[in-house]
Amino acid sequence: MEDLTPVQIESKIRECVTRIARGINHCNGTYQAKLRASAVYDRAFAAAYMAHEGPAHERKYAAELATQVERQDRDVADAAHRYAESLARGLRDELDALRSLGASVREAYRMAGSAS
């Protein structure tokens, strides 16, 4: 890693904070998509379950077969949301690391200034 000045670290912190702010909107969007896909799946499953003629255990399997696309869409939306949350956690970790690095660099500059 290259040597960084306090000004460069502060710039990187601002950049990271901006990315976190943008990520909040992205996480919200993926969560809303997840909720919509779940609702679509639940409605489709219930409709397919009720439409099938036969015993309850057979209705369940028939409904599962009839809603494969909706279930897959729900699972894809869930995976996208989980990925967005994971990226958000990574950005928060990056921000923590930058703050720690900034404190170390400021202390090094302070010590270098007092050694003279």
PDB file of N, CA and C in Angstrom:
ATOM      1  N   MET A   1       0.846  -1.185   0.000  1.00  0.00           N
ATOM      2  CA  MET A   1       0.000   0.000   0.000  1.00  0.00           C
ATOM      3  C   MET A   1       0.881   1.234   0.000  1.00  0.00           C
ATOM      4  N   GLU A   2       0.449   2.230  -0.742  1.00  0.00           N
ATOM      5  CA  GLU A   2       1.242   3.460  -0.832  1.00  0.00           C
ATOM      6  C   GLU A   2       1.123   4.264   0.460  1.00  0.00           C
ATOM      7  N   ASP A   3       2.101   5.106   0.693  1.00  0.00           N
ATOM      8  CA  ASP A   3       2.051   6.003   1.839  1.00  0.00           C
ATOM      9  C   ASP A   3       0.994   7.066   1.555  1.00  0.00           C
ATOM     10  N   LEU A   4       0.178   7.345   2.558  1.00  0.00           N
ATOM     11  CA  LEU A   4      -0.898   8.311   2.398  1.00  0.00           C
ATOM     12  C   LEU A   4      -0.727   9.463   3.374  1.00  0.00           C
ATOM     13  N   THR A   5      -1.099  10.645   2.916  1.00  0.00           N
ATOM     14  CA  THR A   5      -1.098  11.817   3.788  1.00  0.00           C
ATOM     15  C   THR A   5      -2.466  11.909   4.472  1.00  0.00           C
ATOM     16  N   PRO A   6      -2.550  12.671   5.544  1.00  0.00           N
ATOM     17  CA  PRO A   6      -3.855  12.852   6.188  1.00  0.00           C
ATOM     18  C   PRO A   6      -4.914  13.397   5.220  1.00  0.00           C
ATOM     19  N   VAL A   7      -4.512  14.284   4.328  1.00  0.00           N
ATOM     20  CA  VAL A   7      -5.456  14.855   3.356  1.00  0.00           C
ATOM     21  C   VAL A   7      -5.968  13.763   2.417  1.00  0.00           C
ATOM     22  N   GLN A   8      -5.085  12.885   1.960  1.00  0.00           N
ATOM     23  CA  GLN A   8      -5.509  11.796   1.078  1.00  0.00           C
ATOM     24  C   GLN A   8      -6.449  10.834   1.805  1.00  0.00           C
ATOM     25  N   ILE A   9      -6.156  10.566   3.049  1.00  0.00           N
ATOM     26  CA  ILE A   9      -7.014   9.668   3.829  1.00  0.00           C
ATOM     27  C   ILE A   9      -8.396  10.299   4.018  1.00  0.00           C
ATOM     28  N   GLU A  10      -8.427  11.577   4.343  1.00  0.00           N
ATOM     29  CA  GLU A  10      -9.716  12.262   4.498  1.00  0.00           C
ATOM     30  C   GLU A  10     -10.503  12.219   3.195  1.00  0.00           C
ATOM     31  N   SER A  11      -9.824  12.371   2.081  1.00  0.00           N
ATOM     32  CA  SER A  11     -10.486  12.292   0.773  1.00  0.00           C
ATOM     33  C   SER A  11     -11.069  10.894   0.551  1.00  0.00           C
ATOM     34  N   LYS A  12     -10.306   9.877   0.910  1.00  0.00           N
ATOM     35  CA  LYS A  12     -10.785   8.501   0.768  1.00  0.00           C
ATOM     36  C   LYS A  12     -11.970   8.234   1.704  1.00  0.00           C
ATOM     37  N   ILE A  13     -11.943   8.825   2.893  1.00  0.00           N
ATOM     38  CA  ILE A  13     -13.061   8.683   3.831  1.00  0.00           C
ATOM     39  C   ILE A  13     -14.315   9.322   3.242  1.00  0.00           C
ATOM     40  N   ARG A  14     -14.200  10.532   2.696  1.00  0.00           N
ATOM     41  CA  ARG A  14     -15.347  11.201   2.078  1.00  0.00           C
ATOM     42  C   ARG A  14     -15.905  10.368   0.932  1.00  0.00           C
ATOM     43  N   GLU A  15     -15.014   9.819   0.117  1.00  0.00           N
ATOM     44  CA  GLU A  15     -15.426   8.977  -1.013  1.00  0.00           C
ATOM     45  C   GLU A  15     -16.180   7.738  -0.513  1.00  0.00           C
ATOM     46  N   CYS A  16     -15.681   7.124   0.538  1.00  0.00           N
ATOM     47  CA  CYS A  16     -16.319   5.937   1.103  1.00  0.00           C
ATOM     48  C   CYS A  16     -17.693   6.278   1.678  1.00  0.00           C
ATOM     49  N   VAL A  17     -17.793   7.397   2.366  1.00  0.00           N
ATOM     50  CA  VAL A  17     -19.070   7.827   2.940  1.00  0.00           C
ATOM     51  C   VAL A  17     -20.085   8.073   1.822  1.00  0.00           C
ATOM     52  N   THR A  18     -19.650   8.660   0.729  1.00  0.00           N
ATOM     53  CA  THR A  18     -20.528   8.888  -0.418  1.00  0.00           C
ATOM     54  C   THR A  18     -21.012   7.561  -0.992  1.00  0.00           C
ATOM     55  N   ARG A  19     -20.119   6.596  -1.110  1.00  0.00           N
ATOM     56  CA  ARG A  19     -20.498   5.267  -1.615  1.00  0.00           C
ATOM     57  C   ARG A  19     -21.482   4.595  -0.667  1.00  0.00           C
ATOM     58  N   ILE A  20     -21.289   4.763   0.635  1.00  0.00           N
ATOM     59  CA  ILE A  20     -22.222   4.191   1.611  1.00  0.00           C
ATOM     60  C   ILE A  20     -23.606   4.823   1.441  1.00  0.00           C
ATOM     61  N   ALA A  21     -23.648   6.139   1.272  1.00  0.00           N
ATOM     62  CA  ALA A  21     -24.928   6.841   1.105  1.00  0.00           C
ATOM     63  C   ALA A  21     -25.656   6.349  -0.141  1.00  0.00           C
ATOM     64  N   ARG A  22     -24.935   6.185  -1.237  1.00  0.00           N
ATOM     65  CA  ARG A  22     -25.557   5.658  -2.454  1.00  0.00           C
ATOM     66  C   ARG A  22     -26.021   4.226  -2.235  1.00  0.00           C
ATOM     67  N   GLY A  23     -25.248   3.471  -1.479  1.00  0.00           N
ATOM     68  CA  GLY A  23     -25.586   2.076  -1.214  1.00  0.00           C
ATOM     69  C   GLY A  23     -26.863   1.912  -0.416  1.00  0.00           C
ATOM     70  N   ILE A  24     -27.172   2.899   0.421  1.00  0.00           N
ATOM     71  CA  ILE A  24     -28.408   2.835   1.203  1.00  0.00           C
ATOM     72  C   ILE A  24     -29.608   2.789   0.263  1.00  0.00           C
ATOM     73  N   ASN A  25     -29.599   3.632  -0.750  1.00  0.00           N
ATOM     74  CA  ASN A  25     -30.694   3.626  -1.729  1.00  0.00           C
ATOM     75  C   ASN A  25     -30.741   2.301  -2.482  1.00  0.00           C
ATOM     76  N   HIS A  26     -29.583   1.784  -2.824  1.00  0.00           N
ATOM     77  CA  HIS A  26     -29.537   0.516  -3.548  1.00  0.00           C
ATOM     78  C   HIS A  26     -30.084  -0.619  -2.677  1.00  0.00           C
ATOM     79  N   CYS A  27     -29.676  -0.658  -1.414  1.00  0.00           N
ATOM     80  CA  CYS A  27     -30.179  -1.694  -0.493  1.00  0.00           C
ATOM     81  C   CYS A  27     -31.690  -1.578  -0.331  1.00  0.00           C
ATOM     82  N   ASN A  28     -32.183  -0.364  -0.234  1.00  0.00           N
ATOM     83  CA  ASN A  28     -33.626  -0.171  -0.121  1.00  0.00           C
ATOM     84  C   ASN A  28     -34.337  -0.691  -1.367  1.00  0.00           C
ATOM     85  N   GLY A  29     -33.774  -0.400  -2.519  1.00  0.00           N
ATOM     86  CA  GLY A  29     -34.372  -0.887  -3.767  1.00  0.00           C
ATOM     87  C   GLY A  29     -34.391  -2.400  -3.853  1.00  0.00           C
ATOM     88  N   THR A  30     -33.296  -3.033  -3.457  1.00  0.00           N
ATOM     89  CA  THR A  30     -33.267  -4.497  -3.514  1.00  0.00           C
ATOM     90  C   THR A  30     -34.209  -5.097  -2.478  1.00  0.00           C
ATOM     91  N   TYR A  31     -34.368  -4.430  -1.341  1.00  0.00           N
ATOM     92  CA  TYR A  31     -35.294  -4.934  -0.330  1.00  0.00           C
ATOM     93  C   TYR A  31     -36.732  -4.817  -0.819  1.00  0.00           C
ATOM     94  N   GLN A  32     -37.066  -3.691  -1.434  1.00  0.00           N
ATOM     95  CA  GLN A  32     -38.417  -3.514  -1.987  1.00  0.00           C
ATOM     96  C   GLN A  32     -38.705  -4.557  -3.067  1.00  0.00           C
ATOM     97  N   ALA A  33     -37.712  -4.828  -3.917  1.00  0.00           N
ATOM     98  CA  ALA A  33     -37.887  -5.854  -4.957  1.00  0.00           C
ATOM     99  C   ALA A  33     -38.086  -7.230  -4.331  1.00  0.00           C
ATOM    100  N   LYS A  34     -37.358  -7.498  -3.275  1.00  0.00           N
ATOM    101  CA  LYS A  34     -37.504  -8.771  -2.566  1.00  0.00           C
ATOM    102  C   LYS A  34     -38.921  -8.908  -2.002  1.00  0.00           C
ATOM    103  N   LEU A  35     -39.436  -7.852  -1.384  1.00  0.00           N
ATOM    104  CA  LEU A  35     -40.786  -7.889  -0.826  1.00  0.00           C
ATOM    105  C   LEU A  35     -41.838  -8.094  -1.916  1.00  0.00           C
ATOM    106  N   ARG A  36     -41.671  -7.385  -3.043  1.00  0.00           N
ATOM    107  CA  ARG A  36     -42.627  -7.531  -4.140  1.00  0.00           C
ATOM    108  C   ARG A  36     -42.611  -8.954  -4.683  1.00  0.00           C
ATOM    109  N   ALA A  37     -41.409  -9.511  -4.889  1.00  0.00           N
ATOM    110  CA  ALA A  37     -41.296 -10.872  -5.428  1.00  0.00           C
ATOM    111  C   ALA A  37     -41.878 -11.890  -4.458  1.00  0.00           C
ATOM    112  N   SER A  38     -41.693 -11.672  -3.168  1.00  0.00           N
ATOM    113  CA  SER A  38     -42.257 -12.573  -2.159  1.00  0.00           C
ATOM    114  C   SER A  38     -43.783 -12.528  -2.188  1.00  0.00           C
ATOM    115  N   ALA A  39     -44.333 -11.336  -2.306  1.00  0.00           N
ATOM    116  CA  ALA A  39     -45.786 -11.199  -2.351  1.00  0.00           C
ATOM    117  C   ALA A  39     -46.364 -11.861  -3.602  1.00  0.00           C
ATOM    118  N   VAL A  40     -45.698 -11.680  -4.732  1.00  0.00           N
ATOM    119  CA  VAL A  40     -46.154 -12.317  -5.978  1.00  0.00           C
ATOM    120  C   VAL A  40     -46.128 -13.836  -5.826  1.00  0.00           C
ATOM    121  N   TYR A  41     -45.052 -14.352  -5.266  1.00  0.00           N
ATOM    122  CA  TYR A  41     -44.948 -15.798  -5.062  1.00  0.00           C
ATOM    123  C   TYR A  41     -46.036 -16.306  -4.125  1.00  0.00           C
ATOM    124  N   ASP A  42     -46.229 -15.623  -3.001  1.00  0.00           N
ATOM    125  CA  ASP A  42     -47.236 -16.059  -2.027  1.00  0.00           C
ATOM    126  C   ASP A  42     -48.634 -16.106  -2.649  1.00  0.00           C
ATOM    127  N   ARG A  43     -48.976 -15.057  -3.423  1.00  0.00           N
ATOM    128  CA  ARG A  43     -50.295 -15.025  -4.060  1.00  0.00           C
ATOM    129  C   ARG A  43     -50.427 -16.138  -5.102  1.00  0.00           C
ATOM    130  N   ALA A  44     -49.390 -16.327  -5.905  1.00  0.00           N
ATOM    131  CA  ALA A  44     -49.434 -17.368  -6.943  1.00  0.00           C
ATOM    132  C   ALA A  44     -49.538 -18.759  -6.309  1.00  0.00           C
ATOM    133  N   PHE A  45     -48.783 -18.961  -5.239  1.00  0.00           N
ATOM    134  CA  PHE A  45     -48.821 -20.264  -4.565  1.00  0.00           C
ATOM    135  C   PHE A  45     -50.219 -20.525  -3.997  1.00  0.00           C
ATOM    136  N   ALA A  46     -50.787 -19.539  -3.334  1.00  0.00           N
ATOM    137  CA  ALA A  46     -52.120 -19.711  -2.748  1.00  0.00           C
ATOM    138  C   ALA A  46     -53.158 -19.989  -3.829  1.00  0.00           C
ATOM    139  N   ALA A  47     -53.069 -19.257  -4.934  1.00  0.00           N
ATOM    140  CA  ALA A  47     -54.028 -19.464  -6.028  1.00  0.00           C
ATOM    141  C   ALA A  47     -53.878 -20.864  -6.621  1.00  0.00           C
ATOM    142  N   ALA A  48     -52.644 -21.286  -6.837  1.00  0.00           N
ATOM    143  CA  ALA A  48     -52.409 -22.617  -7.406  1.00  0.00           C
ATOM    144  C   ALA A  48     -52.853 -23.707  -6.431  1.00  0.00           C
ATOM    145  N   TYR A  49     -52.618 -23.489  -5.163  1.00  0.00           N
ATOM    146  CA  TYR A  49     -53.015 -24.463  -4.136  1.00  0.00           C
ATOM    147  C   TYR A  49     -54.532 -24.624  -4.122  1.00  0.00           C
ATOM    148  N   MET A  50     -55.228 -23.503  -4.121  1.00  0.00           N
ATOM    149  CA  MET A  50     -56.688 -23.544  -4.059  1.00  0.00           C
ATOM    150  C   MET A  50     -57.313 -24.065  -5.357  1.00  0.00           C
ATOM    151  N   ALA A  51     -56.647 -23.876  -6.480  1.00  0.00           N
ATOM    152  CA  ALA A  51     -57.195 -24.286  -7.773  1.00  0.00           C
ATOM    153  C   ALA A  51     -57.059 -25.787  -8.026  1.00  0.00           C
ATOM    154  N   HIS A  52     -56.119 -26.401  -7.359  1.00  0.00           N
ATOM    155  CA  HIS A  52     -55.878 -27.824  -7.622  1.00  0.00           C
ATOM    156  C   HIS A  52     -56.932 -28.682  -6.934  1.00  0.00           C
ATOM    157  N   GLU A  53     -57.464 -29.637  -7.681  1.00  0.00           N
ATOM    158  CA  GLU A  53     -58.439 -30.581  -7.138  1.00  0.00           C
ATOM    159  C   GLU A  53     -57.678 -31.776  -6.589  1.00  0.00           C
ATOM    160  N   GLY A  54     -57.887 -32.108  -5.352  1.00  0.00           N
ATOM    161  CA  GLY A  54     -57.238 -33.268  -4.767  1.00  0.00           C
ATOM    162  C   GLY A  54     -56.940 -33.067  -3.306  1.00  0.00           C
ATOM    163  N   PRO A  55     -56.296 -34.060  -2.670  1.00  0.00           N
ATOM    164  CA  PRO A  55     -55.977 -33.958  -1.246  1.00  0.00           C
ATOM    165  C   PRO A  55     -54.938 -32.867  -0.978  1.00  0.00           C
ATOM    166  N   ALA A  56     -54.849 -32.447   0.302  1.00  0.00           N
ATOM    167  CA  ALA A  56     -53.988 -31.327   0.696  1.00  0.00           C
ATOM    168  C   ALA A  56     -52.528 -31.549   0.322  1.00  0.00           C
ATOM    169  N   HIS A  57     -51.987 -32.736   0.579  1.00  0.00           N
ATOM    170  CA  HIS A  57     -50.566 -32.965   0.268  1.00  0.00           C
ATOM    171  C   HIS A  57     -50.320 -32.862  -1.235  1.00  0.00           C
ATOM    172  N   GLU A  58     -51.301 -33.270  -2.020  1.00  0.00           N
ATOM    173  CA  GLU A  58     -51.171 -33.177  -3.479  1.00  0.00           C
ATOM    174  C   GLU A  58     -51.282 -31.725  -3.934  1.00  0.00           C
ATOM    175  N   ARG A  59     -52.133 -30.955  -3.276  1.00  0.00           N
ATOM    176  CA  ARG A  59     -52.298 -29.534  -3.612  1.00  0.00           C
ATOM    177  C   ARG A  59     -50.984 -28.776  -3.402  1.00  0.00           C
ATOM    178  N   LYS A  60     -50.327 -29.110  -2.308  1.00  0.00           N
ATOM    179  CA  LYS A  60     -49.063 -28.428  -1.998  1.00  0.00           C
ATOM    180  C   LYS A  60     -48.042 -28.661  -3.107  1.00  0.00           C
ATOM    181  N   TYR A  61     -47.874 -29.900  -3.509  1.00  0.00           N
ATOM    182  CA  TYR A  61     -46.885 -30.200  -4.546  1.00  0.00           C
ATOM    183  C   TYR A  61     -47.293 -29.627  -5.895  1.00  0.00           C
ATOM    184  N   ALA A  62     -48.561 -29.654  -6.181  1.00  0.00           N
ATOM    185  CA  ALA A  62     -49.045 -29.062  -7.429  1.00  0.00           C
ATOM    186  C   ALA A  62     -48.784 -27.556  -7.431  1.00  0.00           C
ATOM    187  N   ALA A  63     -49.014 -26.915  -6.286  1.00  0.00           N
ATOM    188  CA  ALA A  63     -48.775 -25.467  -6.185  1.00  0.00           C
ATOM    189  C   ALA A  63     -47.285 -25.163  -6.328  1.00  0.00           C
ATOM    190  N   GLU A  64     -46.437 -25.981  -5.739  1.00  0.00           N
ATOM    191  CA  GLU A  64     -44.991 -25.766  -5.876  1.00  0.00           C
ATOM    192  C   GLU A  64     -44.556 -25.888  -7.329  1.00  0.00           C
ATOM    193  N   LEU A  65     -45.082 -26.884  -8.030  1.00  0.00           N
ATOM    194  CA  LEU A  65     -44.738 -27.038  -9.443  1.00  0.00           C
ATOM    195  C   LEU A  65     -45.272 -25.879 -10.287  1.00  0.00           C
ATOM    196  N   ALA A  66     -46.449 -25.392  -9.933  1.00  0.00           N
ATOM    197  CA  ALA A  66     -47.069 -24.312 -10.713  1.00  0.00           C
ATOM    198  C   ALA A  66     -46.416 -22.956 -10.479  1.00  0.00           C
ATOM    199  N   THR A  67     -45.645 -22.814  -9.403  1.00  0.00           N
ATOM    200  CA  THR A  67     -45.079 -21.501  -9.063  1.00  0.00           C
ATOM    201  C   THR A  67     -43.550 -21.499  -9.104  1.00  0.00           C
ATOM    202  N   GLN A  68     -42.973 -22.338  -9.916  1.00  0.00           N
ATOM    203  CA  GLN A  68     -41.511 -22.401 -10.002  1.00  0.00           C
ATOM    204  C   GLN A  68     -40.909 -21.072 -10.442  1.00  0.00           C
ATOM    205  N   VAL A  69     -41.518 -20.425 -11.412  1.00  0.00           N
ATOM    206  CA  VAL A  69     -40.984 -19.148 -11.918  1.00  0.00           C
ATOM    207  C   VAL A  69     -41.048 -18.077 -10.828  1.00  0.00           C
ATOM    208  N   GLU A  70     -42.177 -17.976 -10.146  1.00  0.00           N
ATOM    209  CA  GLU A  70     -42.326 -16.982  -9.088  1.00  0.00           C
ATOM    210  C   GLU A  70     -41.357 -17.251  -7.938  1.00  0.00           C
ATOM    211  N   ARG A  71     -41.172 -18.523  -7.609  1.00  0.00           N
ATOM    212  CA  ARG A  71     -40.230 -18.871  -6.536  1.00  0.00           C
ATOM    213  C   ARG A  71     -38.799 -18.503  -6.940  1.00  0.00           C
ATOM    214  N   GLN A  72     -38.462 -18.782  -8.203  1.00  0.00           N
ATOM    215  CA  GLN A  72     -37.122 -18.431  -8.680  1.00  0.00           C
ATOM    216  C   GLN A  72     -36.928 -16.912  -8.663  1.00  0.00           C
ATOM    217  N   ASP A  73     -37.930 -16.166  -9.090  1.00  0.00           N
ATOM    218  CA  ASP A  73     -37.840 -14.696  -9.058  1.00  0.00           C
ATOM    219  C   ASP A  73     -37.660 -14.200  -7.623  1.00  0.00           C
ATOM    220  N   ARG A  74     -38.392 -14.807  -6.687  1.00  0.00           N
ATOM    221  CA  ARG A  74     -38.257 -14.435  -5.274  1.00  0.00           C
ATOM    222  C   ARG A  74     -36.846 -14.727  -4.772  1.00  0.00           C
ATOM    223  N   ASP A  75     -36.316 -15.889  -5.143  1.00  0.00           N
ATOM    224  CA  ASP A  75     -34.980 -16.269  -4.691  1.00  0.00           C
ATOM    225  C   ASP A  75     -33.901 -15.369  -5.288  1.00  0.00           C
ATOM    226  N   VAL A  76     -34.067 -14.989  -6.537  1.00  0.00           N
ATOM    227  CA  VAL A  76     -33.108 -14.071  -7.175  1.00  0.00           C
ATOM    228  C   VAL A  76     -33.151 -12.711  -6.487  1.00  0.00           C
ATOM    229  N   ALA A  77     -34.350 -12.221  -6.184  1.00  0.00           N
ATOM    230  CA  ALA A  77     -34.484 -10.933  -5.490  1.00  0.00           C
ATOM    231  C   ALA A  77     -33.869 -11.010  -4.099  1.00  0.00           C
ATOM    232  N   ASP A  78     -34.056 -12.138  -3.423  1.00  0.00           N
ATOM    233  CA  ASP A  78     -33.471 -12.319  -2.093  1.00  0.00           C
ATOM    234  C   ASP A  78     -31.941 -12.327  -2.180  1.00  0.00           C
ATOM    235  N   ALA A  79     -31.406 -13.038  -3.161  1.00  0.00           N
ATOM    236  CA  ALA A  79     -29.947 -13.094  -3.326  1.00  0.00           C
ATOM    237  C   ALA A  79     -29.378 -11.709  -3.637  1.00  0.00           C
ATOM    238  N   ALA A  80     -30.075 -10.938  -4.468  1.00  0.00           N
ATOM    239  CA  ALA A  80     -29.613  -9.580  -4.799  1.00  0.00           C
ATOM    240  C   ALA A  80     -29.599  -8.705  -3.552  1.00  0.00           C
ATOM    241  N   HIS A  81     -30.625  -8.846  -2.723  1.00  0.00           N
ATOM    242  CA  HIS A  81     -30.669  -8.048  -1.494  1.00  0.00           C
ATOM    243  C   HIS A  81     -29.554  -8.457  -0.533  1.00  0.00           C
ATOM    244  N   ARG A  82     -29.346  -9.732  -0.380  1.00  0.00           N
ATOM    245  CA  ARG A  82     -28.279 -10.204   0.511  1.00  0.00           C
ATOM    246  C   ARG A  82     -26.909  -9.729   0.019  1.00  0.00           C
ATOM    247  N   TYR A  83     -26.719  -9.736  -1.302  1.00  0.00           N
ATOM    248  CA  TYR A  83     -25.459  -9.259  -1.870  1.00  0.00           C
ATOM    249  C   TYR A  83     -25.279  -7.767  -1.593  1.00  0.00           C
ATOM    250  N   ALA A  84     -26.349  -6.995  -1.762  1.00  0.00           N
ATOM    251  CA  ALA A  84     -26.276  -5.551  -1.493  1.00  0.00           C
ATOM    252  C   ALA A  84     -25.952  -5.300  -0.022  1.00  0.00           C
ATOM    253  N   GLU A  85     -26.559  -6.067   0.872  1.00  0.00           N
ATOM    254  CA  GLU A  85     -26.247  -5.924   2.298  1.00  0.00           C
ATOM    255  C   GLU A  85     -24.796  -6.276   2.586  1.00  0.00           C
ATOM    256  N   SER A  86     -24.299  -7.304   1.919  1.00  0.00           N
ATOM    257  CA  SER A  86     -22.903  -7.708   2.104  1.00  0.00           C
ATOM    258  C   SER A  86     -21.958  -6.601   1.631  1.00  0.00           C
ATOM    259  N   LEU A  87     -22.267  -6.001   0.496  1.00  0.00           N
ATOM    260  CA  LEU A  87     -21.452  -4.885   0.007  1.00  0.00           C
ATOM    261  C   LEU A  87     -21.498  -3.714   0.990  1.00  0.00           C
ATOM    262  N   ALA A  88     -22.669  -3.459   1.552  1.00  0.00           N
ATOM    263  CA  ALA A  88     -22.800  -2.363   2.525  1.00  0.00           C
ATOM    264  C   ALA A  88     -21.936  -2.631   3.757  1.00  0.00           C
ATOM    265  N   ARG A  89     -21.940  -3.870   4.230  1.00  0.00           N
ATOM    266  CA  ARG A  89     -21.087  -4.214   5.383  1.00  0.00           C
ATOM    267  C   ARG A  89     -19.615  -4.023   5.019  1.00  0.00           C
ATOM    268  N   GLY A  90     -19.243  -4.404   3.814  1.00  0.00           N
ATOM    269  CA  GLY A  90     -17.864  -4.222   3.362  1.00  0.00           C
ATOM    270  C   GLY A  90     -17.466  -2.753   3.329  1.00  0.00           C
ATOM    271  N   LEU A  91     -18.375  -1.903   2.884  1.00  0.00           N
ATOM    272  CA  LEU A  91     -18.078  -0.467   2.854  1.00  0.00           C
ATOM    273  C   LEU A  91     -17.941   0.094   4.263  1.00  0.00           C
ATOM    274  N   ARG A  92     -18.784  -0.366   5.188  1.00  0.00           N
ATOM    275  CA  ARG A  92     -18.645   0.099   6.579  1.00  0.00           C
ATOM    276  C   ARG A  92     -17.307  -0.355   7.163  1.00  0.00           C
ATOM    277  N   ASP A  93     -16.905  -1.587   6.845  1.00  0.00           N
ATOM    278  CA  ASP A  93     -15.600  -2.076   7.307  1.00  0.00           C
ATOM    279  C   ASP A  93     -14.467  -1.251   6.709  1.00  0.00           C
ATOM    280  N   GLU A  94     -14.604  -0.913   5.422  1.00  0.00           N
ATOM    281  CA  GLU A  94     -13.589  -0.080   4.764  1.00  0.00           C
ATOM    282  C   GLU A  94     -13.505   1.287   5.438  1.00  0.00           C
ATOM    283  N   LEU A  95     -14.648   1.860   5.763  1.00  0.00           N
ATOM    284  CA  LEU A  95     -14.666   3.160   6.439  1.00  0.00           C
ATOM    285  C   LEU A  95     -13.980   3.062   7.799  1.00  0.00           C
ATOM    286  N   ASP A  96     -14.272   2.011   8.546  1.00  0.00           N
ATOM    287  CA  ASP A  96     -13.611   1.822   9.850  1.00  0.00           C
ATOM    288  C   ASP A  96     -12.101   1.715   9.685  1.00  0.00           C
ATOM    289  N   ALA A  97     -11.660   0.976   8.673  1.00  0.00           N
ATOM    290  CA  ALA A  97     -10.225   0.820   8.433  1.00  0.00           C
ATOM    291  C   ALA A  97      -9.590   2.155   8.060  1.00  0.00           C
ATOM    292  N   LEU A  98     -10.264   2.932   7.229  1.00  0.00           N
ATOM    293  CA  LEU A  98      -9.735   4.244   6.844  1.00  0.00           C
ATOM    294  C   LEU A  98      -9.645   5.180   8.042  1.00  0.00           C
ATOM    295  N   ARG A  99     -10.643   5.137   8.900  1.00  0.00           N
ATOM    296  CA  ARG A  99     -10.608   5.978  10.102  1.00  0.00           C
ATOM    297  C   ARG A  99      -9.441   5.585  11.004  1.00  0.00           C
ATOM    298  N   SER A 100      -9.226   4.289  11.152  1.00  0.00           N
ATOM    299  CA  SER A 100      -8.115   3.805  11.968  1.00  0.00           C
ATOM    300  C   SER A 100      -6.783   4.211  11.357  1.00  0.00           C
ATOM    301  N   LEU A 101      -6.687   4.046  10.044  1.00  0.00           N
ATOM    302  CA  LEU A 101      -5.469   4.443   9.337  1.00  0.00           C
ATOM    303  C   LEU A 101      -5.236   5.942   9.482  1.00  0.00           C
ATOM    304  N   GLY A 102      -6.311   6.707   9.376  1.00  0.00           N
ATOM    305  CA  GLY A 102      -6.199   8.160   9.526  1.00  0.00           C
ATOM    306  C   GLY A 102      -5.666   8.541  10.900  1.00  0.00           C
ATOM    307  N   ALA A 103      -6.166   7.885  11.941  1.00  0.00           N
ATOM    308  CA  ALA A 103      -5.687   8.177  13.298  1.00  0.00           C
ATOM    309  C   ALA A 103      -4.211   7.837  13.429  1.00  0.00           C
ATOM    310  N   SER A 104      -3.786   6.710  12.843  1.00  0.00           N
ATOM    311  CA  SER A 104      -2.373   6.314  12.912  1.00  0.00           C
ATOM    312  C   SER A 104      -1.478   7.304  12.172  1.00  0.00           C
ATOM    313  N   VAL A 105      -1.924   7.725  11.002  1.00  0.00           N
ATOM    314  CA  VAL A 105      -1.122   8.661  10.209  1.00  0.00           C
ATOM    315  C   VAL A 105      -1.042  10.018  10.903  1.00  0.00           C
ATOM    316  N   ARG A 106      -2.153  10.483  11.452  1.00  0.00           N
ATOM    317  CA  ARG A 106      -2.128  11.764  12.180  1.00  0.00           C
ATOM    318  C   ARG A 106      -1.178  11.683  13.370  1.00  0.00           C
ATOM    319  N   GLU A 107      -1.208  10.555  14.067  1.00  0.00           N
ATOM    320  CA  GLU A 107      -0.301  10.383  15.212  1.00  0.00           C
ATOM    321  C   GLU A 107       1.152  10.354  14.741  1.00  0.00           C
ATOM    322  N   ALA A 108       1.419   9.690  13.621  1.00  0.00           N
ATOM    323  CA  ALA A 108       2.779   9.647  13.097  1.00  0.00           C
ATOM    324  C   ALA A 108       3.245  11.055  12.713  1.00  0.00           C
ATOM    325  N   TYR A 109       2.387  11.827  12.093  1.00  0.00           N
ATOM    326  CA  TYR A 109       2.726  13.209  11.724  1.00  0.00           C
ATOM    327  C   TYR A 109       2.963  14.048  12.990  1.00  0.00           C
ATOM    328  N   ARG A 110       2.128  13.842  14.003  1.00  0.00           N
ATOM    329  CA  ARG A 110       2.277  14.588  15.244  1.00  0.00           C
ATOM    330  C   ARG A 110       3.628  14.248  15.901  1.00  0.00           C
ATOM    331  N   MET A 111       3.962  12.968  15.938  1.00  0.00           N
ATOM    332  CA  MET A 111       5.218  12.534  16.552  1.00  0.00           C
ATOM    333  C   MET A 111       6.422  13.045  15.738  1.00  0.00           C
ATOM    334  N   ALA A 112       6.289  13.025  14.424  1.00  0.00           N
ATOM    335  CA  ALA A 112       7.383  13.518  13.588  1.00  0.00           C
ATOM    336  C   ALA A 112       7.591  15.019  13.817  1.00  0.00           C
ATOM    337  N   GLY A 113       6.502  15.735  14.023  1.00  0.00           N
ATOM    338  CA  GLY A 113       6.588  17.179  14.263  1.00  0.00           C
ATOM    339  C   GLY A 113       7.197  17.505  15.610  1.00  0.00           C
ATOM    340  N   SER A 114       6.979  16.662  16.606  1.00  0.00           N
ATOM    341  CA  SER A 114       7.510  16.952  17.946  1.00  0.00           C
ATOM    342  C   SER A 114       8.944  16.467  18.103  1.00  0.00           C
ATOM    343  N   ALA A 115       9.411  15.618  17.181  1.00  0.00           N
ATOM    344  CA  ALA A 115      10.770  15.093  17.259  1.00  0.00           C
ATOM    345  C   ALA A 115      11.807  16.147  16.817  1.00  0.00           C
ATOM    346  N   SER A 116      11.353  17.147  16.125  1.00  0.00           N
ATOM    347  CA  SER A 116      12.277  18.145  15.610  1.00  0.00           C
ATOM    348  C   SER A 116      12.714  19.112  16.659  1.00  0.00           C
TER     349      SER A 116
END
